[in-house]
PDB file of N, CA and C in Angstrom:
ATOM      1  N   MET A   1       0.697  -1.056   0.064  1.00  0.00           N
ATOM      2  CA  MET A   1      -0.117  -0.022  -0.236  1.00  0.00           C
ATOM      3  C   MET A   1       0.816   1.168   0.356  1.00  0.00           C
ATOM      4  N   SER A   2       1.559   1.208   0.657  1.00  0.00           N
ATOM      5  CA  SER A   2       2.727   2.469   0.787  1.00  0.00           C
ATOM      6  C   SER A   2       3.293   2.814  -0.472  1.00  0.00           C
ATOM      7  N   ASP A   3       3.243   1.869  -1.243  1.00  0.00           N
ATOM      8  CA  ASP A   3       4.428   1.923  -2.405  1.00  0.00           C
ATOM      9  C   ASP A   3       3.716   3.082  -3.651  1.00  0.00           C
ATOM     10  N   PHE A   4       2.307   2.907  -3.278  1.00  0.00           N
ATOM     11  CA  PHE A   4       1.565   3.726  -4.512  1.00  0.00           C
ATOM     12  C   PHE A   4       1.327   5.345  -3.714  1.00  0.00           C
ATOM     13  N   LEU A   5       1.574   5.394  -2.590  1.00  0.00           N
ATOM     14  CA  LEU A   5       0.981   6.622  -1.532  1.00  0.00           C
ATOM     15  C   LEU A   5       2.204   7.841  -1.852  1.00  0.00           C
ATOM     16  N   ASP A   6       1.688   9.010  -2.187  1.00  0.00           N
ATOM     17  CA  ASP A   6       2.688  10.260  -2.542  1.00  0.00           C
ATOM     18  C   ASP A   6       2.913  11.028  -0.950  1.00  0.00           C
ATOM     19  N   TYR A   7       3.832  10.461  -0.549  1.00  0.00           N
ATOM     20  CA  TYR A   7       4.289  10.955   0.808  1.00  0.00           C
ATOM     21  C   TYR A   7       4.767  12.484   0.783  1.00  0.00           C
ATOM     22  N   ASN A   8       5.258  12.851  -0.480  1.00  0.00           N
ATOM     23  CA  ASN A   8       5.377  14.238  -0.559  1.00  0.00           C
ATOM     24  C   ASN A   8       4.338  15.247  -0.606  1.00  0.00           C
ATOM     25  N   ALA A   9       3.375  14.551  -1.342  1.00  0.00           N
ATOM     26  CA  ALA A   9       2.193  15.654  -1.075  1.00  0.00           C
ATOM     27  C   ALA A   9       1.556  15.410   0.355  1.00  0.00           C
ATOM     28  N   ILE A  10       1.648  14.436   0.759  1.00  0.00           N
ATOM     29  CA  ILE A  10       1.079  14.563   2.386  1.00  0.00           C
ATOM     30  C   ILE A  10       1.822  15.342   3.212  1.00  0.00           C
ATOM     31  N   LYS A  11       3.405  15.163   2.986  1.00  0.00           N
ATOM     32  CA  LYS A  11       4.418  16.121   3.987  1.00  0.00           C
ATOM     33  C   LYS A  11       3.738  17.614   3.685  1.00  0.00           C
ATOM     34  N   ARG A  12       3.881  18.181   2.316  1.00  0.00           N
ATOM     35  CA  ARG A  12       3.480  19.564   2.214  1.00  0.00           C
ATOM     36  C   ARG A  12       2.232  19.918   2.712  1.00  0.00           C
ATOM     37  N   LYS A  13       1.149  19.022   2.681  1.00  0.00           N
ATOM     38  CA  LYS A  13      -0.051  19.467   3.721  1.00  0.00           C
ATOM     39  C   LYS A  13       0.045  19.579   4.918  1.00  0.00           C
ATOM     40  N   ILE A  14       0.568  18.589   5.441  1.00  0.00           N
ATOM     41  CA  ILE A  14       0.643  18.662   6.682  1.00  0.00           C
ATOM     42  C   ILE A  14       1.317  19.831   7.482  1.00  0.00           C
ATOM     43  N   GLU A  15       2.804  19.806   6.851  1.00  0.00           N
ATOM     44  CA  GLU A  15       3.710  20.609   7.279  1.00  0.00           C
ATOM     45  C   GLU A  15       3.104  22.481   6.995  1.00  0.00           C
ATOM     46  N   SER A  16       2.629  22.327   6.208  1.00  0.00           N
ATOM     47  CA  SER A  16       1.643  23.847   5.997  1.00  0.00           C
ATOM     48  C   SER A  16       1.090  24.337   7.364  1.00  0.00           C
ATOM     49  N   GLU A  17       0.562  23.524   8.009  1.00  0.00           N
ATOM     50  CA  GLU A  17      -0.314  23.956   9.012  1.00  0.00           C
ATOM     51  C   GLU A  17       0.794  24.627  10.193  1.00  0.00           C
ATOM     52  N   THR A  18      -0.235  25.443  11.037  1.00  0.00           N
ATOM     53  CA  THR A  18       0.730  26.387  11.960  1.00  0.00           C
ATOM     54  C   THR A  18      -0.334  26.125  13.480  1.00  0.00           C
ATOM     55  N   CYS A  19       0.180  25.640  14.501  1.00  0.00           N
ATOM     56  CA  CYS A  19      -0.399  25.899  15.666  1.00  0.00           C
ATOM     57  C   CYS A  19      -1.196  27.075  16.235  1.00  0.00           C
ATOM     58  N   SER A  20      -2.136  27.077  16.180  1.00  0.00           N
ATOM     59  CA  SER A  20      -2.887  28.641  16.693  1.00  0.00           C
ATOM     60  C   SER A  20      -2.323  28.646  18.229  1.00  0.00           C
ATOM     61  N   LYS A  21      -2.104  28.130  18.784  1.00  0.00           N
ATOM     62  CA  LYS A  21      -1.741  28.059  20.410  1.00  0.00           C
ATOM     63  C   LYS A  21      -0.175  28.925  20.380  1.00  0.00           C
ATOM     64  N   HIS A  22       0.811  28.141  19.695  1.00  0.00           N
ATOM     65  CA  HIS A  22       2.244  28.214  19.820  1.00  0.00           C
ATOM     66  C   HIS A  22       2.666  28.739  18.631  1.00  0.00           C
ATOM     67  N   ASN A  23       2.263  29.096  17.464  1.00  0.00           N
ATOM     68  CA  ASN A  23       2.537  29.265  16.315  1.00  0.00           C
ATOM     69  C   ASN A  23       3.854  28.591  15.688  1.00  0.00           C
ATOM     70  N   GLU A  24       3.803  27.430  16.118  1.00  0.00           N
ATOM     71  CA  GLU A  24       4.816  26.509  15.686  1.00  0.00           C
ATOM     72  C   GLU A  24       4.431  25.427  14.549  1.00  0.00           C
ATOM     73  N   LYS A  25       4.970  24.784  13.666  1.00  0.00           N
ATOM     74  CA  LYS A  25       5.189  23.849  12.421  1.00  0.00           C
ATOM     75  C   LYS A  25       5.357  22.598  12.883  1.00  0.00           C
ATOM     76  N   PRO A  26       4.490  21.457  12.464  1.00  0.00           N
ATOM     77  CA  PRO A  26       4.803  20.278  12.384  1.00  0.00           C
ATOM     78  C   PRO A  26       5.960  19.875  11.559  1.00  0.00           C
ATOM     79  N   GLU A  27       6.385  18.767  11.852  1.00  0.00           N
ATOM     80  CA  GLU A  27       7.176  17.914  11.487  1.00  0.00           C
ATOM     81  C   GLU A  27       6.582  16.490  10.837  1.00  0.00           C
ATOM     82  N   PHE A  28       6.784  16.376   9.765  1.00  0.00           N
ATOM     83  CA  PHE A  28       6.491  14.859   9.119  1.00  0.00           C
ATOM     84  C   PHE A  28       7.375  14.191   8.911  1.00  0.00           C
ATOM     85  N   LYS A  29       7.402  12.687   9.418  1.00  0.00           N
ATOM     86  CA  LYS A  29       8.518  12.040   8.885  1.00  0.00           C
ATOM     87  C   LYS A  29       8.055  10.631   8.285  1.00  0.00           C
ATOM     88  N   LYS A  30       8.569  10.175   7.339  1.00  0.00           N
ATOM     89  CA  LYS A  30       8.134   8.797   6.840  1.00  0.00           C
ATOM     90  C   LYS A  30       9.094   7.823   7.544  1.00  0.00           C
ATOM     91  N   ASN A  31       8.425   6.636   7.732  1.00  0.00           N
ATOM     92  CA  ASN A  31       9.023   5.763   8.474  1.00  0.00           C
ATOM     93  C   ASN A  31       8.599   4.183   8.081  1.00  0.00           C
ATOM     94  N   ILE A  32       9.339   3.221   8.501  1.00  0.00           N
ATOM     95  CA  ILE A  32       8.774   2.021   7.781  1.00  0.00           C
ATOM     96  C   ILE A  32       7.505   1.638   7.946  1.00  0.00           C
ATOM     97  N   LYS A  33       6.411   2.039   8.734  1.00  0.00           N
ATOM     98  CA  LYS A  33       5.237   1.776   9.244  1.00  0.00           C
ATOM     99  C   LYS A  33       4.464   2.642   8.435  1.00  0.00           C
ATOM    100  N   GLY A  34       4.870   3.621   7.819  1.00  0.00           N
ATOM    101  CA  GLY A  34       4.021   4.730   7.481  1.00  0.00           C
ATOM    102  C   GLY A  34       4.687   6.135   7.584  1.00  0.00           C
ATOM    103  N   PHE A  35       3.916   6.808   8.331  1.00  0.00           N
ATOM    104  CA  PHE A  35       4.841   8.018   8.694  1.00  0.00           C
ATOM    105  C   PHE A  35       4.259   8.433  10.280  1.00  0.00           C
ATOM    106  N   GLU A  36       4.943   9.478  10.826  1.00  0.00           N
ATOM    107  CA  GLU A  36       4.668  10.283  11.897  1.00  0.00           C
ATOM    108  C   GLU A  36       4.842  11.567  12.049  1.00  0.00           C
ATOM    109  N   ILE A  37       4.094  12.184  12.965  1.00  0.00           N
ATOM    110  CA  ILE A  37       4.006  13.571  12.793  1.00  0.00           C
ATOM    111  C   ILE A  37       4.287  14.176  14.173  1.00  0.00           C
ATOM    112  N   ASN A  38       5.488  15.040  14.253  1.00  0.00           N
ATOM    113  CA  ASN A  38       5.955  15.571  15.572  1.00  0.00           C
ATOM    114  C   ASN A  38       5.015  17.045  15.361  1.00  0.00           C
ATOM    115  N   ALA A  39       4.584  17.270  16.935  1.00  0.00           N
ATOM    116  CA  ALA A  39       4.035  18.742  16.910  1.00  0.00           C
ATOM    117  C   ALA A  39       4.355  19.327  18.331  1.00  0.00           C
ATOM    118  N   CYS A  40       4.093  20.366  18.391  1.00  0.00           N
ATOM    119  CA  CYS A  40       4.384  21.267  19.582  1.00  0.00           C
ATOM    120  C   CYS A  40       3.663  20.736  20.773  1.00  0.00           C
ATOM    121  N   CYS A  41       2.026  20.311  20.544  1.00  0.00           N
ATOM    122  CA  CYS A  41       1.590  19.994  21.593  1.00  0.00           C
ATOM    123  C   CYS A  41       0.433  18.570  21.162  1.00  0.00           C
ATOM    124  N   GLU A  42      -0.074  17.914  22.134  1.00  0.00           N
ATOM    125  CA  GLU A  42      -1.261  16.966  21.746  1.00  0.00           C
ATOM    126  C   GLU A  42      -2.444  17.444  20.911  1.00  0.00           C
ATOM    127  N   GLU A  43      -3.025  18.698  21.351  1.00  0.00           N
ATOM    128  CA  GLU A  43      -4.204  18.948  20.609  1.00  0.00           C
ATOM    129  C   GLU A  43      -4.013  19.156  18.996  1.00  0.00           C
ATOM    130  N   PHE A  44      -2.772  19.748  18.950  1.00  0.00           N
ATOM    131  CA  PHE A  44      -2.342  20.195  17.546  1.00  0.00           C
ATOM    132  C   PHE A  44      -2.043  18.758  16.793  1.00  0.00           C
ATOM    133  N   ARG A  45      -1.554  18.080  17.399  1.00  0.00           N
ATOM    134  CA  ARG A  45      -1.120  16.541  16.964  1.00  0.00           C
ATOM    135  C   ARG A  45      -2.276  15.907  16.586  1.00  0.00           C
ATOM    136  N   GLY A  46      -3.229  15.837  17.377  1.00  0.00           N
ATOM    137  CA  GLY A  46      -4.675  15.422  17.278  1.00  0.00           C
ATOM    138  C   GLY A  46      -5.466  15.577  15.955  1.00  0.00           C
ATOM    139  N   LYS A  47      -5.322  17.209  15.641  1.00  0.00           N
ATOM    140  CA  LYS A  47      -5.818  17.542  14.682  1.00  0.00           C
ATOM    141  C   LYS A  47      -5.192  17.426  13.326  1.00  0.00           C
ATOM    142  N   LEU A  48      -3.912  17.672  13.362  1.00  0.00           N
ATOM    143  CA  LEU A  48      -3.271  16.831  12.243  1.00  0.00           C
ATOM    144  C   LEU A  48      -3.387  15.552  11.907  1.00  0.00           C
ATOM    145  N   ALA A  49      -3.409  14.353  12.924  1.00  0.00           N
ATOM    146  CA  ALA A  49      -3.771  13.302  12.826  1.00  0.00           C
ATOM    147  C   ALA A  49      -5.053  13.197  11.797  1.00  0.00           C
ATOM    148  N   LYS A  50      -6.176  13.830  12.110  1.00  0.00           N
ATOM    149  CA  LYS A  50      -7.293  13.241  11.678  1.00  0.00           C
ATOM    150  C   LYS A  50      -7.378  14.264   9.993  1.00  0.00           C
ATOM    151  N   LYS A  51      -6.634  15.320   9.948  1.00  0.00           N
ATOM    152  CA  LYS A  51      -6.278  15.835   8.662  1.00  0.00           C
ATOM    153  C   LYS A  51      -5.318  14.832   7.753  1.00  0.00           C
ATOM    154  N   ALA A  52      -4.113  14.361   8.491  1.00  0.00           N
ATOM    155  CA  ALA A  52      -3.657  13.331   7.583  1.00  0.00           C
ATOM    156  C   ALA A  52      -4.322  12.044   7.232  1.00  0.00           C
ATOM    157  N   GLU A  53      -5.467  11.431   8.272  1.00  0.00           N
ATOM    158  CA  GLU A  53      -6.275  10.582   7.700  1.00  0.00           C
ATOM    159  C   GLU A  53      -7.040  10.631   6.613  1.00  0.00           C
ATOM    160  N   LYS A  54      -7.646  11.762   6.393  1.00  0.00           N
ATOM    161  CA  LYS A  54      -8.517  12.357   5.467  1.00  0.00           C
ATOM    162  C   LYS A  54      -7.571  12.499   4.323  1.00  0.00           C
ATOM    163  N   ILE A  55      -6.108  12.854   4.189  1.00  0.00           N
ATOM    164  CA  ILE A  55      -5.167  13.198   3.144  1.00  0.00           C
ATOM    165  C   ILE A  55      -5.076  11.918   2.601  1.00  0.00           C
ATOM    166  N   VAL A  56      -4.856  10.731   3.190  1.00  0.00           N
ATOM    167  CA  VAL A  56      -4.175   9.461   3.053  1.00  0.00           C
ATOM    168  C   VAL A  56      -5.234   8.804   2.490  1.00  0.00           C
ATOM    169  N   VAL A  57      -6.937   8.960   3.045  1.00  0.00           N
ATOM    170  CA  VAL A  57      -7.835   8.322   1.893  1.00  0.00           C
ATOM    171  C   VAL A  57      -7.847   9.011   0.503  1.00  0.00           C
ATOM    172  N   ASP A  58      -7.680  10.299   0.635  1.00  0.00           N
ATOM    173  CA  ASP A  58      -7.758  10.967  -0.738  1.00  0.00           C
ATOM    174  C   ASP A  58      -6.626  10.372  -1.752  1.00  0.00           C
ATOM    175  N   GLU A  59      -5.505  10.244  -1.098  1.00  0.00           N
ATOM    176  CA  GLU A  59      -4.573   9.931  -1.980  1.00  0.00           C
ATOM    177  C   GLU A  59      -4.522   8.461  -2.294  1.00  0.00           C
ATOM    178  N   THR A  60      -4.931   7.617  -1.760  1.00  0.00           N
ATOM    179  CA  THR A  60      -5.223   6.308  -2.161  1.00  0.00           C
ATOM    180  C   THR A  60      -6.189   6.232  -3.043  1.00  0.00           C
ATOM    181  N   LYS A  61      -7.266   6.859  -3.153  1.00  0.00           N
ATOM    182  CA  LYS A  61      -8.572   6.923  -3.860  1.00  0.00           C
ATOM    183  C   LYS A  61      -7.794   7.299  -5.144  1.00  0.00           C
ATOM    184  N   SER A  62      -7.098   8.293  -5.179  1.00  0.00           N
ATOM    185  CA  SER A  62      -6.314   8.850  -6.253  1.00  0.00           C
ATOM    186  C   SER A  62      -5.546   7.712  -7.057  1.00  0.00           C
ATOM    187  N   ALA A  63      -4.491   7.206  -6.300  1.00  0.00           N
ATOM    188  CA  ALA A  63      -3.624   6.213  -6.851  1.00  0.00           C
ATOM    189  C   ALA A  63      -4.509   4.928  -7.536  1.00  0.00           C
ATOM    190  N   MET A  64      -5.479   4.721  -6.700  1.00  0.00           N
ATOM    191  CA  MET A  64      -6.084   3.309  -7.095  1.00  0.00           C
ATOM    192  C   MET A  64      -7.236   3.967  -8.653  1.00  0.00           C
ATOM    193  N   GLU A  65      -7.488   4.764  -8.550  1.00  0.00           N
ATOM    194  CA  GLU A  65      -8.109   5.504  -9.947  1.00  0.00           C
ATOM    195  C   GLU A  65      -7.121   5.453 -10.987  1.00  0.00           C
ATOM    196  N   LYS A  66      -5.952   5.901 -10.714  1.00  0.00           N
ATOM    197  CA  LYS A  66      -4.924   5.914 -11.852  1.00  0.00           C
ATOM    198  C   LYS A  66      -4.466   4.432 -12.173  1.00  0.00           C
ATOM    199  N   MET A  67      -4.130   3.471 -11.250  1.00  0.00           N
ATOM    200  CA  MET A  67      -3.954   2.106 -11.426  1.00  0.00           C
ATOM    201  C   MET A  67      -5.025   1.518 -12.266  1.00  0.00           C
ATOM    202  N   LEU A  68      -6.329   1.908 -11.993  1.00  0.00           N
ATOM    203  CA  LEU A  68      -7.205   1.136 -12.652  1.00  0.00           C
ATOM    204  C   LEU A  68      -7.359   1.489 -13.957  1.00  0.00           C
ATOM    205  N   LYS A  69      -7.360   2.986 -14.181  1.00  0.00           N
ATOM    206  CA  LYS A  69      -7.122   3.621 -15.619  1.00  0.00           C
ATOM    207  C   LYS A  69      -5.933   3.090 -16.506  1.00  0.00           C
ATOM    208  N   ASN A  70      -4.763   2.925 -16.065  1.00  0.00           N
ATOM    209  CA  ASN A  70      -3.977   2.270 -16.356  1.00  0.00           C
ATOM    210  C   ASN A  70      -4.097   0.899 -16.963  1.00  0.00           C
ATOM    211  N   ALA A  71      -4.604   0.024 -15.975  1.00  0.00           N
ATOM    212  CA  ALA A  71      -4.721  -1.274 -16.167  1.00  0.00           C
ATOM    213  C   ALA A  71      -5.523  -1.333 -17.564  1.00  0.00           C
ATOM    214  N   PHE A  72      -6.449  -0.758 -17.945  1.00  0.00           N
ATOM    215  CA  PHE A  72      -7.515  -1.122 -18.726  1.00  0.00           C
ATOM    216  C   PHE A  72      -7.063   0.176 -20.233  1.00  0.00           C
ATOM    217  N   LYS A  73      -5.924   0.362 -20.198  1.00  0.00           N
ATOM    218  CA  LYS A  73      -5.497   1.221 -21.471  1.00  0.00           C
ATOM    219  C   LYS A  73      -5.094   0.235 -22.749  1.00  0.00           C
ATOM    220  N   LYS A  74      -5.417   0.530 -23.634  1.00  0.00           N
ATOM    221  CA  LYS A  74      -4.599  -0.355 -24.851  1.00  0.00           C
ATOM    222  C   LYS A  74      -3.712   0.569 -25.746  1.00  0.00           C
TER     223      LYS A  74
END
């Protein structure tokens, strides 16, 4: 699954956020299990986790559509 996800797109979207309380940016790290998000506080990290979940769903859907489209090309 992780081979077809665009982690750079996910990273850009996550790292573009700023914590409203601490004015800090998060750090997105890809690892063997997927990725992790380091943030200044748990509240901000929780918000980013929800956003990342939605982004991963969207990226997966997009990747699957591309794979299916290419599978039926002649």
